[in-house]
Structures are given as C-alpha cells and as structure tokens.
Amino acid sequence: MMPYFIENNLVSFLLIKHYVEVAKYGIRVSNVMPGMMKTDMFNKMNIQKNMDNGIDTKEVTRLIKFIIDTPSDVMIPEVGIKNINN
C-alpha cells in the first residue's frame, strides 16, 4: 500500500497528463483534494479518530457545484479545500 501523499500526487500527475487530451471532446477534468472530511467512515471501521477539524461534506459539495457551473471554456484542473484549523 502506497502512502497517501504518493497516491495523491500520482492521481494529480495522471489527470494533468490527460485533461488536455479529453478537453477537445468537451470533457473537463478537475482533481478535487478535500483533505480530512467530517464523515463517519472511521466509526464504521471501528477506528477512533477526532474529526472536529475535518471539513464538512457540504462545503466540498459547494466547491464541486462551483466547478461544474463554471463556463464550458474554463477548466479548473486542481483545487484543494480544507478546514482552516486543520
């Protein structure tokens, strides 16, 4: 299993490599990196983790909606979002 930062950088590299290729077909690709999110994922796995500084999923949803609503000739290839206290 690769460390998270390596996986994240690999995803970024692969997206950047291909987003220009698919843009000619009207497909826009954005890499959204939300950081720690307030979910119950760890609870479901019986892992105790303090999620107080995680970002609310509603904020990530608002960001994705913003990306989708941008004009078709605008591409946001990569954006990160996180809680300011994290």
Protein backbone atom coordinates (compact mmCIF):
# COMPACT_ATOMS: atom_id res chain seq x y z
CA MET A 1 0.00 0.00 0.00
CA MET A 2 1.40 3.39 -1.03
CA PRO A 3 1.44 6.34 1.38
CA TYR A 4 -1.44 8.76 0.78
CA PHE A 5 0.74 11.64 -0.45
CA ILE A 6 2.28 9.42 -3.14
CA GLU A 7 -1.14 8.21 -4.28
CA ASN A 8 -2.44 11.78 -4.33
CA ASN A 9 0.48 13.04 -6.40
CA LEU A 10 0.13 10.10 -8.77
CA VAL A 11 -3.55 10.92 -9.33
CA SER A 12 -2.64 14.57 -9.96
CA PHE A 13 0.04 13.57 -12.46
CA LEU A 14 -2.29 11.24 -14.35
CA LEU A 15 -5.06 13.83 -14.50
CA ILE A 16 -2.78 16.62 -15.70
CA LYS A 17 -1.35 14.30 -18.32
CA HIS A 18 -4.78 13.53 -19.76
CA TYR A 19 -7.07 16.53 -19.12
CA VAL A 20 -5.83 18.37 -22.21
CA GLU A 21 -6.43 15.27 -24.32
CA VAL A 22 -10.10 14.95 -23.33
CA ALA A 23 -10.81 18.70 -23.38
CA LYS A 24 -11.11 18.60 -27.18
CA TYR A 25 -14.19 16.38 -26.65
CA GLY A 26 -15.80 18.89 -24.27
CA ILE A 27 -14.82 16.90 -21.19
CA ARG A 28 -13.47 18.85 -18.26
CA VAL A 29 -11.50 17.11 -15.53
CA SER A 30 -10.88 18.52 -12.07
CA ASN A 31 -8.86 16.96 -9.26
CA VAL A 32 -10.60 17.95 -6.01
CA MET A 33 -8.45 17.33 -2.94
CA PRO A 34 -10.66 17.80 0.13
CA GLY A 35 -8.27 16.85 2.90
CA MET A 36 -9.85 15.44 6.06
CA MET A 37 -13.63 15.38 5.82
CA LYS A 38 -16.23 15.04 8.56
CA THR A 39 -17.69 11.63 7.80
CA ASP A 40 -18.44 8.54 9.82
CA MET A 41 -16.05 6.39 7.75
CA PHE A 42 -13.70 5.76 10.68
CA ASN A 43 -16.58 4.95 13.05
CA LYS A 44 -17.81 2.33 10.59
CA MET A 45 -14.34 0.77 10.66
CA ASN A 46 -14.25 0.90 14.50
CA ILE A 47 -11.37 3.41 14.44
CA GLN A 48 -11.40 6.28 16.93
CA LYS A 49 -10.38 9.49 15.18
CA ASN A 50 -11.10 13.09 16.13
CA MET A 51 -12.87 14.63 13.14
CA ASP A 52 -13.56 18.04 14.73
CA ASN A 53 -11.18 19.79 12.32
CA GLY A 54 -12.44 17.97 9.26
CA ILE A 55 -14.23 19.90 6.55
CA ASP A 56 -17.98 19.49 6.26
CA THR A 57 -19.04 17.49 3.22
CA LYS A 58 -21.47 20.30 2.30
CA GLU A 59 -18.51 22.62 1.68
CA VAL A 60 -16.94 20.10 -0.70
CA THR A 61 -20.30 19.78 -2.45
CA ARG A 62 -20.45 23.57 -2.88
CA LEU A 63 -16.95 23.55 -4.38
CA ILE A 64 -17.85 20.79 -6.85
CA LYS A 65 -21.02 22.67 -7.84
CA PHE A 66 -18.90 25.79 -8.43
CA ILE A 67 -16.57 23.81 -10.68
CA ILE A 68 -19.48 22.34 -12.64
CA ASP A 69 -21.13 25.75 -13.02
CA THR A 70 -18.07 27.44 -14.50
CA PRO A 71 -18.31 28.34 -18.20
CA SER A 72 -17.54 25.48 -20.58
CA ASP A 73 -14.35 27.20 -21.78
CA VAL A 74 -12.93 27.32 -18.24
CA MET A 75 -11.09 24.39 -16.68
CA ILE A 76 -10.10 24.09 -13.04
CA PRO A 77 -7.55 21.28 -13.21
CA GLU A 78 -6.79 21.06 -9.49
CA VAL A 79 -8.12 22.55 -6.27
CA GLY A 80 -7.64 21.78 -2.60
CA ILE A 81 -10.07 22.55 0.21
CA LYS A 82 -9.68 22.01 3.94
CA ASN A 83 -10.68 23.30 7.35
CA ILE A 84 -8.56 26.32 8.28
CA ASN A 85 -7.87 24.74 11.71
CA ASN A 86 -6.51 21.52 10.22
